[in-house]
Protein backbone atom coordinates (compact mmCIF):
# COMPACT_ATOMS: atom_id res chain seq x y z
CA MET A 1 72.69 50.38 138.99
CA LYS A 2 74.57 48.13 136.05
CA LYS A 3 71.81 49.29 133.67
CA SER A 4 73.09 53.11 134.27
CA PHE A 5 77.01 51.79 134.85
CA LYS A 6 76.35 50.40 130.94
CA HIS A 7 74.67 53.65 129.50
CA PHE A 8 77.36 55.50 130.85
CA SER A 9 79.96 53.24 129.17
CA TRP A 10 78.33 53.71 126.23
CA LEU A 11 78.32 57.24 126.18
CA LEU A 12 81.94 57.81 127.00
CA LEU A 13 82.68 55.71 124.18
CA LEU A 14 80.61 57.79 121.87
CA LEU A 15 82.42 60.95 123.49
CA ILE A 16 85.89 59.79 123.14
CA PRO A 17 86.65 60.04 119.37
CA LEU A 18 85.05 63.60 119.24
CA LEU A 19 87.08 64.61 122.30
CA ILE A 20 89.95 63.26 120.26
CA VAL A 21 88.92 64.76 117.27
CA SER A 22 88.70 67.77 119.15
CA GLY A 23 92.09 67.91 120.55
CA CYS A 24 93.62 67.30 116.87
CA GLY A 25 91.72 70.60 115.96
CA LYS A 26 93.18 72.72 118.58
CA SER A 27 97.03 71.02 117.82
CA SER A 28 97.31 71.65 114.23
CA SER A 29 95.82 75.23 114.18
CA LYS A 30 98.63 77.64 114.12
CA THR A 31 98.48 81.55 114.96
CA VAL A 32 101.25 83.27 113.13
CA LYS A 33 101.24 87.36 113.87
CA VAL A 34 101.73 89.50 111.34
CA GLY A 35 102.84 92.93 111.37
CA ILE A 36 101.79 95.40 108.62
CA MET A 37 101.19 99.57 108.34
CA GLY A 38 97.49 99.66 108.27
CA SER A 39 96.40 100.70 104.98
CA ASP A 40 97.76 96.87 103.88
CA GLU A 41 94.77 95.32 106.41
CA LYS A 42 92.61 95.44 102.67
CA ILE A 43 95.31 93.24 101.31
CA TRP A 44 95.82 90.95 104.01
CA LYS A 45 92.09 90.09 105.40
CA PRO A 46 91.39 88.32 102.21
CA ILE A 47 94.81 85.73 102.27
CA GLN A 48 93.87 85.77 106.31
CA THR A 49 90.64 84.11 105.56
CA LYS A 50 91.87 81.61 103.18
CA LEU A 51 94.27 80.83 105.28
CA LYS A 52 92.13 79.91 107.96
CA LYS A 53 90.91 77.54 106.80
CA GLU A 54 93.85 75.85 106.03
CA GLY A 55 94.30 75.57 109.53
CA ILE A 56 96.94 78.57 109.81
CA ASN A 57 95.01 81.45 111.86
CA ILE A 58 96.64 85.01 110.95
CA LYS A 59 96.61 87.87 113.59
CA LEU A 60 96.85 91.25 111.65
CA VAL A 61 99.09 93.44 114.34
CA THR A 62 99.26 97.20 112.55
CA PHE A 63 101.55 99.73 113.27
CA THR A 64 101.44 103.96 112.42
CA ASP A 65 104.94 104.14 112.12
CA TYR A 66 108.34 102.47 110.80
CA ASN A 67 110.07 102.07 113.93
CA GLN A 68 107.86 99.92 115.22
CA PRO A 69 107.24 96.59 113.45
CA ASN A 70 110.90 95.25 113.34
CA ALA A 71 111.26 96.04 116.95
CA ALA A 72 108.28 94.00 117.54
CA LEU A 73 109.94 91.04 115.27
CA THR A 74 113.43 90.89 117.38
CA ASN A 75 110.93 90.81 120.55
CA HIS A 76 109.06 87.97 119.81
CA GLU A 77 105.81 90.45 119.43
CA ILE A 78 105.43 89.54 116.19
CA ASP A 79 106.21 86.26 113.62
CA LEU A 80 106.51 88.05 110.60
CA ASN A 81 106.30 91.57 109.09
CA SER A 82 105.29 92.83 105.52
CA PHE A 83 105.84 97.11 105.61
CA GLN A 84 109.78 97.42 104.44
CA HIS A 85 112.13 97.22 101.66
CA THR A 86 115.11 95.27 101.54
CA TYR A 87 117.32 98.48 101.70
CA PHE A 88 115.64 99.15 105.24
CA MET A 89 115.62 95.85 106.96
CA ASN A 90 119.55 95.85 105.71
CA THR A 91 120.05 99.56 107.77
CA TRP A 92 117.91 98.47 110.22
CA ASN A 93 120.00 95.55 111.27
CA LYS A 94 123.14 96.96 110.80
CA ALA A 95 122.20 100.00 113.16
CA HIS A 96 120.32 97.72 115.82
CA LYS A 97 122.81 94.07 115.36
CA THR A 98 119.65 92.15 114.42
CA ASN A 99 119.01 89.57 112.18
CA ILE A 100 115.63 89.79 110.39
CA VAL A 101 116.12 88.35 106.79
CA SER A 102 113.28 88.47 103.59
CA ILE A 103 111.55 85.40 103.02
CA GLY A 104 109.43 86.52 100.05
CA LYS A 105 108.80 89.43 97.56
CA THR A 106 105.60 92.04 98.16
CA VAL A 107 105.61 95.39 96.01
CA ARG A 108 107.69 97.67 94.02
CA ALA A 109 106.31 100.99 95.51
CA PRO A 110 107.87 103.95 94.53
CA LEU A 111 108.25 107.09 96.01
CA ARG A 112 106.49 109.78 94.92
CA LEU A 113 106.77 113.66 94.95
CA TYR A 114 103.38 115.26 95.19
CA SER A 115 102.29 119.17 95.14
CA LYS A 116 99.03 120.84 95.56
CA LYS A 117 100.30 124.15 94.73
CA VAL A 118 102.19 122.91 91.23
CA LYS A 119 101.55 120.89 88.57
CA THR A 120 105.26 120.26 87.12
CA VAL A 121 108.63 120.28 88.65
CA SER A 122 109.63 122.89 86.98
CA ALA A 123 107.10 124.89 88.82
CA ILE A 124 108.66 125.04 91.68
CA LYS A 125 110.61 128.00 92.68
CA LYS A 126 113.32 129.51 94.78
CA GLY A 127 112.75 129.05 98.45
CA ASP A 128 109.80 126.64 97.62
CA GLN A 129 109.71 124.33 100.86
CA ILE A 130 109.84 120.17 99.81
CA THR A 131 108.53 117.93 103.01
CA ILE A 132 110.82 114.53 102.86
CA PRO A 133 110.20 111.38 105.29
CA ASN A 134 112.69 111.22 108.10
CA ASP A 135 113.90 108.33 108.89
CA SER A 136 117.34 107.83 107.49
CA THR A 137 116.53 105.09 104.68
CA ASN A 138 113.66 106.84 103.20
CA GLU A 139 115.11 110.35 104.01
CA GLY A 140 118.24 109.36 102.08
CA ARG A 141 115.85 107.93 98.94
CA ALA A 142 114.23 110.60 99.21
CA LEU A 143 116.76 113.19 98.48
CA HIS A 144 118.42 110.72 95.40
CA LEU A 145 114.75 111.13 93.98
CA LEU A 146 115.23 115.15 94.53
CA GLN A 147 118.22 114.72 92.50
CA SER A 148 116.59 112.23 90.09
CA ALA A 149 114.07 115.31 89.20
CA GLY A 150 117.09 117.54 88.71
CA LEU A 151 116.29 119.89 91.72
CA ILE A 152 119.41 119.19 93.81
CA LYS A 153 122.47 117.74 93.43
CA VAL A 154 123.97 115.44 96.68
CA ASP A 155 127.25 113.90 97.40
CA ASN A 156 127.25 110.41 95.63
CA LYS A 157 130.04 109.28 98.17
CA VAL A 158 126.91 108.90 100.63
CA SER A 159 124.62 105.69 100.39
CA LEU A 160 122.50 107.49 102.94
CA PRO A 161 123.04 111.49 102.23
CA THR A 162 120.80 113.63 104.98
CA PRO A 163 119.99 117.27 103.79
CA LYS A 164 123.80 118.19 105.02
CA ASN A 165 125.26 115.90 101.64
CA ILE A 166 123.52 118.38 99.67
CA THR A 167 126.01 119.49 97.55
CA GLU A 168 124.19 121.58 95.06
CA ASN A 169 121.05 123.58 95.92
CA LYS A 170 120.50 126.29 92.90
CA LEU A 171 116.66 127.10 94.36
CA LYS A 172 117.98 126.98 98.12
CA LEU A 173 114.92 124.75 98.36
CA LYS A 174 114.14 124.14 102.20
CA ILE A 175 114.38 120.23 102.32
CA THR A 176 112.02 119.89 105.79
CA PRO A 177 112.25 115.97 106.80
CA VAL A 178 109.40 115.05 108.87
CA ASP A 179 107.87 111.87 110.07
CA ALA A 180 106.63 109.62 107.21
CA ALA A 181 102.97 109.41 108.09
CA GLN A 182 103.07 113.44 108.29
CA THR A 183 104.15 114.03 104.50
CA PRO A 184 100.19 114.24 103.01
CA ARG A 185 99.46 116.75 105.64
CA SER A 186 102.68 118.94 105.12
CA LEU A 187 100.96 119.55 101.62
CA THR A 188 99.07 122.71 102.93
CA ASP A 189 101.77 124.11 104.04
CA ALA A 190 104.97 122.95 101.86
CA THR A 191 105.07 123.47 98.05
CA ALA A 192 105.76 119.52 97.31
CA ALA A 193 105.95 116.57 99.51
CA ILE A 194 107.57 113.08 98.82
CA VAL A 195 105.08 110.39 100.17
CA ASN A 196 105.39 106.76 100.81
CA ASN A 197 102.74 104.52 99.05
CA GLU A 198 101.05 103.13 101.92
CA PHE A 199 100.65 106.72 103.32
CA ALA A 200 99.77 108.16 99.69
CA SER A 201 97.04 105.64 100.05
CA GLU A 202 95.71 107.02 103.31
CA ALA A 203 95.84 110.44 102.06
CA LYS A 204 93.80 109.17 98.75
CA LEU A 205 96.67 110.81 96.93
CA PRO A 206 96.65 108.79 93.42
CA ASP A 207 99.54 107.99 91.39
CA SER A 208 97.87 110.16 88.57
CA GLU A 209 98.40 113.36 90.93
CA CYS A 210 102.06 112.68 91.50
CA ILE A 211 104.56 115.65 89.84
CA TYR A 212 107.00 113.42 89.74
CA LYS A 213 108.27 109.58 91.08
CA GLU A 214 111.00 107.33 91.32
CA LYS A 215 112.20 105.44 88.65
CA LEU A 216 111.98 102.04 88.05
CA ASN A 217 115.50 99.94 87.16
CA LYS A 218 118.22 97.93 88.08
CA ALA A 219 119.28 101.00 91.16
CA SER A 220 115.78 100.69 92.45
CA ILE A 221 116.16 96.83 93.49
CA PRO A 222 116.54 97.21 97.04
CA TYR A 223 113.71 99.05 97.63
CA ILE A 224 111.48 96.12 96.44
CA ASN A 225 109.29 95.47 99.48
CA ILE A 226 109.13 92.20 101.02
CA ILE A 227 107.71 89.64 104.19
CA ALA A 228 110.48 89.77 106.79
CA THR A 229 111.04 87.34 109.71
CA ASN A 230 113.81 86.24 112.18
CA LYS A 231 116.70 84.42 110.83
CA ALA A 232 116.31 81.82 113.33
CA ASP A 233 112.59 81.15 111.21
CA LYS A 234 113.13 81.56 107.87
CA ASN A 235 112.69 78.16 106.56
CA ASN A 236 109.39 77.78 108.99
CA LYS A 237 106.46 76.42 106.69
CA THR A 238 103.78 77.93 107.82
CA TYR A 239 105.69 81.16 106.96
CA LYS A 240 106.32 79.79 103.47
CA LYS A 241 102.96 79.08 103.23
CA ILE A 242 101.85 82.30 104.22
CA VAL A 243 104.37 83.52 101.74
CA LYS A 244 102.74 81.86 98.61
CA ALA A 245 99.42 82.46 98.99
CA TYR A 246 100.24 86.67 98.94
CA GLN A 247 102.05 85.60 95.85
CA THR A 248 98.76 84.96 94.22
CA ALA A 249 96.88 86.58 91.23
CA GLU A 250 93.93 87.27 93.47
CA THR A 251 96.72 89.69 95.77
CA LYS A 252 97.63 91.49 92.38
CA LYS A 253 94.04 92.15 91.97
CA LEU A 254 93.62 93.62 95.36
CA LEU A 255 96.54 95.78 94.61
CA LYS A 256 95.07 97.24 91.19
CA LYS A 257 92.10 97.76 92.65
CA TYR A 258 93.14 99.34 96.33
CA TYR A 259 96.36 101.00 95.62
CA HIS A 260 95.79 102.12 91.25
CA GLY A 261 99.04 101.84 91.13
CA LEU A 262 100.73 102.72 93.70
CA SER A 263 101.87 99.50 94.31
CA ILE A 264 103.43 97.51 91.68
CA PRO A 265 103.53 92.84 92.51
CA ALA A 266 107.19 92.52 92.19
CA TRP A 267 107.13 88.21 92.51
């Protein structure tokens, strides 16, 4: 009996360090839910793998439209999101009385005008239909793009114009707002469509095939994409490590490989 107790005691002594190490491993590991659009998964997967070795488990949560990720962030269903530009975030905060902030830049993603029917902007003719994203920020941005292309004029006193704010439309173009995810599909019927980069990537619409794109200048700075979180978490050290892991030469290579110029590093 004494001998058995001795064996048990030694076994217990051997197991205690293992239990402590195991317990420490579990407590030091952190899971962070990051909301992204589906097309960005290929950019985030290598970051996910890299950070796992550092004890940070990124769980990618994919969304299909722009109205979901900020609502999920505010409701603490996710911890970070990476899909929007600064202007979109500021507009969202104002409309929904939220406190979402940027903690790091990701890419510049110029809006592009695509067409399967014409090769140049000058070939767009009277009465043609052009579809644009229907969310308030990108709708206004798209109308400014059409103005820059010389197709329409909008009331410049309105920061986020809608089709109602078009002041000149000599070609009587039919400007049709649709869900941003549907803009590539609309090219089957419409003469042209303004498409956001992630949906252009999903639809395999390369930069080289667009007939006009947003200029990168001071006016486009508010449209730099970001990693965002709730204001209360802006100084979270783990979140800052995730931003740092994104802003690397490796990510730049992945952006070039998968987006072929659709997304341009902004850090």
